[in-house]
Protein backbone atom coordinates (compact mmCIF):
# COMPACT_ATOMS: atom_id res chain seq x y z
CA UNK A 1 77.19 104.12 -23.04
CA UNK A 2 79.02 107.53 -23.38
CA UNK A 3 81.68 109.70 -21.56
CA UNK A 4 80.51 113.19 -20.17
CA UNK A 5 81.55 115.42 -17.08
CA UNK A 6 78.84 116.00 -14.42
CA UNK A 7 79.19 118.14 -11.17
CA UNK A 8 78.36 116.74 -7.84
CA UNK A 9 77.73 118.21 -4.38
CA UNK A 10 78.22 116.14 -1.44
CA UNK A 11 79.68 116.06 2.31
CA UNK A 12 82.10 114.12 3.45
CA UNK A 13 83.64 113.16 6.88
CA UNK A 14 87.26 113.02 6.60
CA UNK A 15 89.72 111.60 9.48
CA UNK A 16 92.01 114.07 9.39
CA UNK A 17 95.59 113.89 11.34
CA UNK A 18 93.90 116.74 13.83
CA UNK A 19 90.74 114.93 14.71
CA UNK A 20 92.91 111.26 14.67
CA UNK A 21 95.11 113.12 17.43
CA UNK A 22 91.92 114.25 19.24
CA UNK A 23 90.44 110.93 19.47
CA UNK A 24 93.50 109.39 20.41
CA UNK A 25 94.02 111.49 23.07
CA UNK A 26 90.56 111.01 24.38
CA UNK A 27 91.52 107.15 25.15
CA UNK A 28 94.19 107.46 26.39
CA UNK A 29 94.68 106.87 30.52
CA UNK A 30 96.34 109.52 32.61
CA UNK A 31 100.09 108.25 32.37
CA UNK A 32 99.57 107.68 28.86
CA UNK A 33 98.63 111.12 28.81
CA UNK A 34 101.38 112.45 30.75
CA UNK A 35 103.78 110.81 28.67
CA UNK A 36 102.26 111.70 25.05
CA UNK A 37 102.58 115.57 26.71
CA UNK A 38 106.26 115.10 27.38
CA UNK A 39 107.07 113.44 24.05
CA UNK A 40 105.16 116.87 22.69
CA UNK A 41 107.48 118.61 24.46
CA UNK A 42 110.44 117.37 23.34
CA UNK A 43 109.25 117.34 19.58
CA UNK A 44 107.42 120.74 19.12
CA UNK A 45 110.20 123.79 20.13
CA UNK A 46 107.22 126.54 20.59
CA UNK A 47 105.24 124.50 23.05
CA UNK A 48 105.68 125.07 27.18
CA UNK A 49 104.72 124.59 30.28
CA UNK A 50 104.67 125.70 33.52
CA UNK A 51 108.33 124.77 34.26
CA UNK A 52 110.02 126.31 31.32
CA UNK A 53 110.24 130.34 31.46
CA UNK A 54 106.64 130.72 33.58
CA UNK A 55 107.41 134.31 33.08
CA UNK A 56 106.85 134.34 29.32
CA UNK A 57 103.27 133.07 29.43
CA UNK A 58 102.03 136.47 29.66
CA UNK A 59 101.37 138.15 26.63
CA UNK A 60 103.56 141.17 26.14
CA UNK A 61 106.32 139.95 28.90
CA UNK A 62 108.89 139.88 26.31
CA UNK A 63 107.64 142.37 23.51
CA UNK A 64 108.19 141.61 20.32
CA UNK A 65 111.26 143.73 18.24
CA UNK A 66 110.72 146.12 15.44
CA UNK A 67 112.66 144.28 13.24
CA UNK A 68 110.12 141.31 13.38
CA UNK A 69 108.88 140.23 10.10
CA UNK A 70 105.37 141.70 9.36
CA UNK A 71 103.31 138.59 9.31
CA UNK A 72 104.86 137.62 12.79
CA UNK A 73 102.21 139.53 14.95
CA UNK A 74 99.26 137.47 13.03
CA UNK A 75 101.09 134.20 14.31
CA UNK A 76 101.89 135.28 17.86
CA UNK A 77 98.14 135.45 17.77
CA UNK A 78 97.43 131.88 17.70
CA UNK A 79 97.28 131.54 21.58
CA UNK A 80 95.08 134.32 21.60
CA UNK A 81 92.63 132.76 18.76
CA UNK A 82 91.78 129.60 20.57
CA UNK A 83 90.31 128.69 23.51
CA UNK A 84 88.90 132.91 24.14
CA UNK A 85 86.23 132.04 25.97
CA UNK A 86 88.43 130.29 28.78
CA UNK A 87 91.65 131.84 28.47
CA UNK A 88 91.19 134.59 31.12
CA UNK A 89 90.16 132.54 33.78
CA UNK A 90 93.15 130.33 33.22
CA UNK A 91 95.43 132.96 33.11
CA UNK A 92 94.06 134.28 36.48
CA UNK A 93 94.34 131.13 37.76
CA UNK A 94 97.85 130.54 37.16
CA UNK A 95 98.71 133.94 38.55
CA UNK A 96 97.23 133.41 41.51
CA UNK A 97 98.81 129.88 41.95
CA UNK A 98 102.26 131.09 41.06
CA UNK A 99 101.31 134.00 44.01
CA UNK A 100 100.90 131.51 46.02
CA UNK A 101 103.92 129.20 45.20
CA UNK A 102 106.19 132.06 45.57
CA UNK A 103 105.07 133.15 49.10
CA UNK A 104 105.16 129.44 50.10
CA UNK A 105 108.93 129.15 48.51
CA UNK A 106 110.30 132.56 50.43
CA UNK A 107 108.79 131.37 53.68
CA UNK A 108 110.70 127.92 52.92
CA UNK A 109 113.82 129.35 52.30
CA UNK A 110 113.45 132.17 54.89
CA UNK A 111 113.03 129.25 57.60
CA UNK A 112 115.74 126.96 56.07
CA UNK A 113 117.99 129.96 56.42
CA UNK A 114 117.20 130.16 60.17
CA UNK A 115 118.07 126.47 61.08
CA UNK A 116 121.05 124.95 62.51
CA UNK A 117 123.67 123.84 59.71
CA UNK A 118 124.08 120.10 59.49
CA UNK A 119 127.09 118.39 61.26
CA UNK A 120 129.70 117.46 58.64
CA UNK A 121 129.89 113.86 59.27
CA UNK A 122 127.20 111.47 59.90
CA UNK A 123 127.24 109.41 62.75
CA UNK A 124 127.70 105.48 63.22
CA UNK A 125 125.99 102.61 60.95
CA UNK A 126 123.72 102.48 64.07
CA UNK A 127 122.22 105.75 62.98
CA UNK A 128 121.30 104.35 60.27
CA UNK A 129 118.02 102.78 59.35
CA UNK A 130 118.34 99.40 58.71
CA UNK A 131 118.81 97.87 54.84
CA UNK A 132 115.46 96.26 54.79
CA UNK A 133 113.62 99.41 55.04
CA UNK A 134 115.56 100.70 51.56
CA UNK A 135 114.67 97.92 49.91
CA UNK A 136 113.08 99.01 46.23
CA UNK A 137 112.50 95.85 44.77
CA UNK A 138 110.54 92.92 45.69
CA UNK A 139 112.23 89.35 45.14
CA UNK A 140 110.21 87.21 42.68
CA UNK A 141 110.05 83.65 42.96
CA UNK A 142 112.52 83.33 40.01
CA UNK A 143 115.06 85.59 41.91
CA UNK A 144 114.92 83.40 45.04
CA UNK A 145 115.43 80.09 43.44
CA UNK A 146 118.21 81.67 41.17
CA UNK A 147 119.87 82.86 44.37
CA UNK A 148 119.84 79.22 45.26
CA UNK A 149 121.25 78.41 42.05
CA UNK A 150 124.32 80.33 42.36
CA UNK A 151 125.22 78.55 45.51
CA UNK A 152 124.24 75.15 44.19
CA UNK A 153 127.04 72.82 42.95
CA UNK A 154 125.61 72.53 39.80
CA UNK A 155 128.01 72.85 36.37
CA UNK A 156 127.68 75.09 33.40
CA UNK A 157 125.08 73.17 31.39
CA UNK A 158 123.50 72.04 34.43
CA UNK A 159 122.49 75.75 35.28
CA UNK A 160 121.75 76.43 31.73
CA UNK A 161 118.98 74.04 32.44
CA UNK A 162 118.08 75.85 35.19
CA UNK A 163 117.77 78.75 33.90
CA UNK A 164 115.62 77.75 31.00
CA UNK A 165 113.33 76.15 33.59
CA UNK A 166 112.96 79.44 35.56
CA UNK A 167 112.28 81.22 32.37
CA UNK A 168 108.70 79.40 32.22
CA UNK A 169 107.87 79.63 35.49
CA UNK A 170 103.87 80.48 35.58
CA UNK A 171 102.12 82.79 38.16
CA UNK A 172 101.74 79.97 40.32
CA UNK A 173 105.49 78.59 40.37
CA UNK A 174 104.84 75.69 38.47
CA UNK A 175 106.86 74.54 34.87
CA UNK A 176 104.72 75.69 32.34
CA UNK A 177 105.63 73.17 29.45
CA UNK A 178 102.18 73.91 27.34
CA UNK A 179 102.45 75.24 23.62
CA UNK A 180 101.17 79.34 23.66
CA UNK A 181 98.48 80.26 21.11
CA UNK A 182 99.36 82.55 17.83
CA UNK A 183 97.33 85.06 16.35
CA UNK A 184 96.28 83.25 14.08
CA UNK A 185 94.64 80.54 16.17
CA UNK A 186 97.40 77.68 16.00
CA UNK A 187 99.15 76.62 18.79
CA UNK A 188 102.91 75.97 19.38
CA UNK A 189 103.64 72.47 20.02
CA UNK A 190 104.30 71.42 24.01
CA UNK A 191 107.90 72.19 25.24
CA UNK A 192 109.72 68.97 26.97
CA UNK A 193 112.51 68.61 29.42
CA UNK A 194 114.22 66.90 26.30
CA UNK A 195 114.09 69.69 24.30
CA UNK A 196 115.40 71.88 27.72
CA UNK A 197 118.32 69.81 27.62
CA UNK A 198 119.35 69.76 24.03
CA UNK A 199 118.80 73.73 24.31
CA UNK A 200 121.13 73.65 27.23
CA UNK A 201 123.79 71.03 26.13
CA UNK A 202 122.45 68.56 29.07
CA UNK A 203 121.86 64.94 29.16
CA UNK A 204 118.56 63.89 28.33
CA UNK A 205 118.99 61.47 31.27
CA UNK A 206 120.13 64.00 34.02
CA UNK A 207 117.14 66.68 33.14
CA UNK A 208 115.03 65.19 35.82
CA UNK A 209 117.36 65.06 38.19
CA UNK A 210 118.26 68.27 38.22
CA UNK A 211 114.85 69.08 37.93
CA UNK A 212 113.68 67.16 41.25
CA UNK A 213 116.68 69.20 43.19
CA UNK A 214 115.34 72.29 41.97
CA UNK A 215 111.97 71.31 43.08
CA UNK A 216 113.42 70.75 46.91
CA UNK A 217 114.92 73.94 46.97
CA UNK A 218 112.67 76.78 48.82
CA UNK A 219 109.92 76.70 48.72
CA UNK A 220 109.56 73.04 48.03
CA UNK A 221 107.21 72.21 45.35
CA UNK A 222 108.05 75.20 43.12
CA UNK A 223 109.14 73.93 39.69
CA UNK A 224 107.15 71.44 39.53
CA UNK A 225 105.13 70.30 36.14
CA UNK A 226 101.59 70.31 38.04
CA UNK A 227 99.93 70.48 41.08
CA UNK A 228 100.06 66.62 41.94
CA UNK A 229 103.51 66.40 41.46
CA UNK A 230 103.80 69.74 43.42
CA UNK A 231 101.85 67.94 46.70
CA UNK A 232 103.98 64.68 46.32
CA UNK A 233 107.64 66.55 46.23
CA UNK A 234 106.39 68.44 49.43
CA UNK A 235 104.92 65.17 51.17
CA UNK A 236 107.92 63.08 50.35
CA UNK A 237 110.41 66.17 51.16
CA UNK A 238 108.73 66.44 54.72
CA UNK A 239 108.59 62.91 55.65
CA UNK A 240 104.65 62.29 55.14
CA UNK A 241 103.14 58.88 55.63
CA UNK A 242 102.64 56.16 52.90
CA UNK A 243 99.12 56.95 53.08
CA UNK A 244 99.22 60.32 52.71
CA UNK A 245 101.46 59.78 49.20
CA UNK A 246 99.27 57.15 47.97
CA UNK A 247 95.97 59.28 48.24
CA UNK A 248 97.69 62.26 46.37
CA UNK A 249 98.98 59.79 43.60
CA UNK A 250 95.67 57.97 43.21
CA UNK A 251 92.72 60.60 44.46
CA UNK A 252 93.74 64.01 43.82
CA UNK A 253 90.23 64.35 42.14
CA UNK A 254 88.38 62.79 45.04
CA UNK A 255 90.25 65.38 47.15
CA UNK A 256 89.01 68.36 44.83
CA UNK A 257 85.65 67.11 45.08
CA UNK A 258 85.40 66.04 48.89
CA UNK A 259 84.37 63.05 48.11
CA UNK A 260 86.12 60.91 51.04
CA UNK A 261 84.06 57.85 50.78
CA UNK A 262 85.20 57.23 47.68
CA UNK A 263 88.47 57.13 48.86
CA UNK A 264 88.11 55.14 51.92
CA UNK A 265 85.92 52.38 49.61
CA UNK A 266 88.88 52.30 46.99
CA UNK A 267 91.65 52.22 49.46
CA UNK A 268 89.92 49.71 52.03
CA UNK A 269 90.23 51.92 54.94
CA UNK A 270 88.06 53.54 57.74
CA UNK A 271 86.52 57.31 56.22
CA UNK A 272 88.22 58.27 59.84
CA UNK A 273 91.55 57.73 59.00
CA UNK A 274 90.92 59.30 55.49
CA UNK A 275 90.09 62.30 57.37
CA UNK A 276 93.01 62.31 59.30
CA UNK A 277 95.31 62.34 56.17
CA UNK A 278 93.15 64.67 54.33
CA UNK A 279 93.86 66.99 57.18
CA UNK A 280 97.43 66.43 57.01
CA UNK A 281 97.62 67.04 52.86
CA UNK A 282 95.50 70.08 53.40
CA UNK A 283 98.96 71.74 55.28
CA UNK A 284 100.92 71.31 51.74
CA UNK A 285 101.32 74.64 49.77
CA UNK A 286 99.67 74.47 46.44
CA UNK A 287 100.86 77.39 45.07
CA UNK A 288 104.13 77.74 45.86
CA UNK A 289 104.70 81.50 44.54
CA UNK A 290 102.26 82.51 47.04
CA UNK A 291 104.28 84.48 48.89
CA UNK A 292 106.42 85.89 46.12
CA UNK A 293 105.27 88.65 43.70
CA UNK A 294 107.37 90.38 40.47
CA UNK A 295 106.51 93.26 42.53
CA UNK A 296 105.19 94.80 45.40
CA UNK A 297 101.11 94.84 45.09
CA UNK A 298 100.94 97.63 47.64
CA UNK A 299 102.78 100.19 45.87
CA UNK A 300 100.68 100.38 43.01
CA UNK A 301 98.40 103.49 43.37
CA UNK A 302 95.42 104.56 40.85
CA UNK A 303 95.53 108.21 40.37
CA UNK A 304 91.83 109.45 39.57
CA UNK A 305 91.15 111.62 36.64
CA UNK A 306 88.17 113.48 38.51
CA UNK A 307 86.87 113.83 41.90
CA UNK A 308 83.41 113.87 43.04
CA UNK A 309 82.60 115.63 46.22
CA UNK A 310 79.74 115.86 48.38
CA UNK A 311 79.24 119.98 49.03
CA UNK A 312 76.06 119.96 51.24
CA UNK A 313 73.20 118.85 48.86
CA UNK A 314 74.89 118.39 45.56
CA UNK A 315 77.73 116.39 44.21
CA UNK A 316 80.65 118.32 42.46
CA UNK A 317 82.80 117.03 40.22
CA UNK A 318 85.97 118.49 39.37
CA UNK A 319 89.14 117.04 37.29
CA UNK A 320 92.60 116.23 38.47
CA UNK A 321 94.72 118.42 37.02
CA UNK A 322 97.80 117.38 39.21
CA UNK A 323 100.76 116.21 37.68
CA UNK A 324 99.65 116.85 33.99
CA UNK A 325 101.37 119.80 32.41
CA UNK A 326 99.22 123.09 31.03
CA UNK A 327 100.88 123.75 27.85
CA UNK A 328 100.72 127.22 26.10
CA UNK A 329 102.87 128.21 23.21
CA UNK A 330 106.08 129.94 24.31
CA UNK A 331 105.88 133.91 22.52
CA UNK A 332 109.60 134.92 23.32
CA UNK A 333 110.98 131.50 21.74
CA UNK A 334 108.99 131.85 19.00
CA UNK A 335 109.71 135.41 18.27
CA UNK A 336 113.08 134.68 18.11
CA UNK A 337 112.85 131.65 15.93
CA UNK A 338 110.75 134.11 13.31
CA UNK A 339 113.46 136.76 12.70
CA UNK A 340 115.42 133.20 10.42
CA UNK A 341 112.76 133.76 7.26
CA UNK A 342 113.55 130.55 6.51
CA UNK A 343 112.02 129.23 9.50
CA UNK A 344 108.64 130.63 8.89
CA UNK A 345 107.15 127.12 6.97
CA UNK A 346 108.56 125.32 10.01
CA UNK A 347 107.36 127.29 12.75
CA UNK A 348 103.84 127.61 11.36
CA UNK A 349 103.70 123.91 11.26
CA UNK A 350 104.64 123.41 14.38
CA UNK A 351 102.33 126.33 15.71
CA UNK A 352 99.13 124.60 14.01
CA UNK A 353 100.32 121.49 16.12
CA UNK A 354 100.27 123.21 19.09
CA UNK A 355 97.45 125.06 18.97
CA UNK A 356 95.39 121.35 17.98
CA UNK A 357 97.42 119.92 20.93
CA UNK A 358 96.39 122.32 23.46
CA UNK A 359 92.77 122.30 22.13
CA UNK A 360 92.44 118.53 22.21
CA UNK A 361 93.50 118.12 25.89
CA UNK A 362 91.20 120.97 26.61
CA UNK A 363 88.35 119.25 24.96
CA UNK A 364 89.14 115.80 26.56
CA UNK A 365 89.20 117.32 29.94
CA UNK A 366 85.90 118.70 29.46
CA UNK A 367 84.86 115.60 28.02
CA UNK A 368 85.55 113.83 30.81
CA UNK A 369 83.91 115.92 32.97
CA UNK A 370 80.58 116.45 31.40
CA UNK A 371 80.21 112.47 31.20
CA UNK A 372 81.13 112.06 34.38
CA UNK A 373 78.72 114.93 35.88
CA UNK A 374 76.21 112.68 33.88
CA UNK A 375 76.89 109.59 35.44
CA UNK A 376 76.63 111.54 38.63
CA UNK A 377 73.35 112.76 37.93
CA UNK A 378 71.58 109.32 36.99
CA UNK A 379 73.90 107.12 39.32
CA UNK A 380 73.06 109.51 42.78
CA UNK A 381 71.52 106.96 45.04
CA UNK A 382 74.61 105.45 44.31
CA UNK A 383 76.87 107.97 45.69
CA UNK A 384 74.91 108.67 48.65
CA UNK A 385 73.95 104.87 49.63
CA UNK A 386 76.48 102.63 47.85
CA UNK A 387 76.97 99.79 45.65
CA UNK A 388 73.72 97.90 46.70
CA UNK A 389 72.01 100.95 44.89
CA UNK A 390 73.63 101.03 41.74
CA UNK A 391 71.04 101.40 38.59
CA UNK A 392 71.29 99.78 35.65
CA UNK A 393 72.87 101.90 32.76
CA UNK A 394 74.32 101.58 29.68
CA UNK A 395 76.36 103.85 26.81
CA UNK A 396 73.65 105.08 24.97
CA UNK A 397 71.72 106.44 27.97
CA UNK A 398 74.87 108.58 28.61
CA UNK A 399 75.38 109.04 25.23
CA UNK A 400 71.69 110.50 24.27
CA UNK A 401 71.91 112.98 27.76
CA UNK A 402 75.35 114.53 26.53
CA UNK A 403 74.60 114.58 22.71
CA UNK A 404 77.84 112.27 21.95
CA UNK A 405 78.17 108.94 20.03
CA UNK A 406 78.37 105.76 21.97
CA UNK A 407 82.11 104.94 20.97
CA UNK A 408 83.03 108.32 22.38
CA UNK A 409 81.61 107.69 25.80
CA UNK A 410 83.28 103.78 25.56
CA UNK A 411 86.64 105.75 24.46
CA UNK A 412 86.15 108.46 27.67
CA UNK A 413 85.07 105.64 30.07
CA UNK A 414 88.14 103.26 29.31
CA UNK A 415 91.21 103.61 31.95
CA UNK A 416 89.54 106.67 33.40
CA UNK A 417 89.22 106.53 37.43
CA UNK A 418 86.85 108.44 39.76
CA UNK A 419 87.11 108.88 43.40
CA UNK A 420 83.68 109.14 45.40
CA UNK A 421 82.40 109.16 48.85
CA UNK A 422 82.15 105.39 48.05
CA UNK A 423 85.76 104.55 46.97
CA UNK A 424 87.82 104.65 43.61
CA UNK A 425 85.80 103.10 40.18
CA UNK A 426 86.26 102.88 37.08
CA UNK A 427 84.18 105.19 34.97
CA UNK A 428 83.02 101.57 33.06
CA UNK A 429 81.83 100.29 36.39
CA UNK A 430 78.66 102.36 36.42
CA UNK A 431 77.52 100.34 33.14
CA UNK A 432 75.81 97.46 33.90
CA UNK A 433 73.02 95.20 32.34
CA UNK A 434 69.41 95.54 33.43
CA UNK A 435 67.85 92.58 35.49
CA UNK A 436 63.60 92.85 36.02
CA UNK A 437 62.18 92.33 39.15
CA UNK A 438 58.09 92.06 39.28
CA UNK A 439 56.70 95.07 40.63
CA UNK A 440 59.83 96.99 41.14
CA UNK A 441 62.34 98.77 39.56
CA UNK A 442 64.98 97.21 37.52
CA UNK A 443 68.29 96.37 39.29
CA UNK A 444 71.87 96.62 37.83
CA UNK A 445 73.85 93.05 37.59
CA UNK A 446 76.52 94.81 39.57
CA UNK A 447 73.99 95.18 43.02
CA UNK A 448 73.02 91.46 42.38
CA UNK A 449 76.75 89.85 42.36
CA UNK A 450 77.10 92.14 45.33
CA UNK A 451 74.01 90.67 47.12
CA UNK A 452 75.63 86.91 45.69
CA UNK A 453 78.45 87.60 47.68
CA UNK A 454 77.02 88.51 50.76
CA UNK A 455 75.08 85.31 51.36
CA UNK A 456 77.85 83.06 50.63
CA UNK A 457 79.91 85.70 52.95
CA UNK A 458 77.15 84.78 55.63
CA UNK A 459 76.11 80.99 54.79
CA UNK A 460 77.35 77.96 56.79
CA UNK A 461 80.84 76.86 55.54
CA UNK A 462 79.73 73.28 56.76
CA UNK A 463 76.41 73.56 54.66
CA UNK A 464 77.26 75.68 51.85
CA UNK A 465 74.53 76.93 49.66
CA UNK A 466 73.76 75.75 46.16
CA UNK A 467 73.32 77.91 43.34
CA UNK A 468 69.57 77.13 43.22
CA UNK A 469 69.35 77.75 46.96
CA UNK A 470 71.12 81.27 46.45
CA UNK A 471 68.64 81.73 43.40
CA UNK A 472 65.53 81.36 45.76
CA UNK A 473 67.06 84.05 48.54
CA UNK A 474 67.22 86.14 45.66
CA UNK A 475 63.87 85.96 44.77
CA UNK A 476 62.46 85.60 48.68
CA UNK A 477 64.46 88.54 49.99
CA UNK A 478 65.16 90.96 47.55
CA UNK A 479 62.28 90.06 44.32
CA UNK A 480 65.50 89.25 41.74
CA UNK A 481 64.35 86.42 39.48
CA UNK A 482 67.49 85.20 37.95
CA UNK A 483 68.19 81.89 36.48
CA UNK A 484 70.50 79.30 38.02
CA UNK A 485 73.14 79.33 35.68
CA UNK A 486 72.77 83.16 35.59
CA UNK A 487 74.04 82.50 39.50
CA UNK A 488 76.65 80.56 38.63
CA UNK A 489 78.30 82.94 35.97
CA UNK A 490 78.29 85.67 38.42
CA UNK A 491 79.45 83.45 41.38
CA UNK A 492 82.76 82.41 38.82
CA UNK A 493 83.15 86.06 38.13
CA UNK A 494 83.64 86.95 41.58
CA UNK A 495 86.15 83.95 41.76
CA UNK A 496 83.76 82.06 44.36
CA UNK A 497 83.92 77.97 44.12
CA UNK A 498 80.84 76.03 44.07
CA UNK A 499 79.23 75.04 46.82
CA UNK A 500 81.15 71.29 46.72
CA UNK A 501 84.11 73.04 46.93
CA UNK A 502 83.34 75.28 49.60
CA UNK A 503 82.53 73.15 52.07
CA UNK A 504 84.68 72.75 55.11
CA UNK A 505 84.58 69.56 57.16
CA UNK A 506 87.29 70.20 59.46
């Protein structure tokens, strides 16, 4: 045992703030990147984009004053020292774009000056578009019921109870009283109507009455606690026969399995009467929130990060820079701020941050393009012929080709979308496990899913195919050898019901 000093030489990878920023930017989606750029523009005064003093982007547009400090020129050269290889091309592209934009705007203003002036007064209400065409927010189920609540004769405590009910509706329009799961794995206890009533100050005996009144509002059956209650409310409100109500109360499980013979035996009635009753029950709505959404799904559009376009026999990959600001260092403002000797350290930090941000964004763009080009090269048949020709591929295949780590490829392909001749896909879509075929090349699992979907779409609805029958068809037609449980798993992933529930008798 002794105490001594020794020298040791070693290498260690440190996660510097700049490296952490580059990794974080790499995994951001397009919209998140735009928000991040806006935040940096607000926080860093030396950063600018094309919308802020674009003329000052060119070097020499604003000459440095003679009284500037001697080391100011060295700091102002940061923009030239970074990305030397691509700066000339980038400046030339921006210059060409601005020339085109200037010409377009001049032509636009000239055309505007030649137009007739607008009348001083607008026409009557008949000339205006209908109010329905100007709506920007689509009504949700809770909003629709809340509108009926405002016109009801509920008192204050009943209204508070109704608001608690509306706040606990699930995506199907049912009242969700089940507890939620905590982060530690435990669950909160289930909620009861009595607890709702106690929180609203309502008599517990009046809670079921108020809930039943809400269930009879439009759409009938909303705010029900389960499917059975939803169907019973509709059957009673719409005046269904006693047989229909009894089937819903006692044999809902047999209805789901289409076991009509068991219903007929238990109720001691001919099976034909069960068929007629089931026809009427099928007219009821099993999902009251079907026609109500929180927002119009059609208004959500995905902007691709890259485009893949076929040019002759080649596929060309280009990035989508529309909407993403082109950052640069505002030299004019930097020179003004460097006149203050006390601001040198502050400007130095901001210049370094700006430099790393610009480099990180450019590196992100190049990495996405490089990975996409590699995907196009390996999945060329998919881009030419469709999903059926998608090849099995894993992250390691791309990582080995581009010389990056698998974790980097995972970050690049997360929440990044590519527009192809076959449609819009997430980059992760192209990574599939392989399924072997005797005597043939392996096939991607996504292609097998599409094959299962195609088989089910072409089946006889009165005699749907079982999972085992699908296995045999895949083996006979395509030479795909998979287990029955694999077909069941893929079918559930596609949202397709089992054969017993797909059968249609009427």
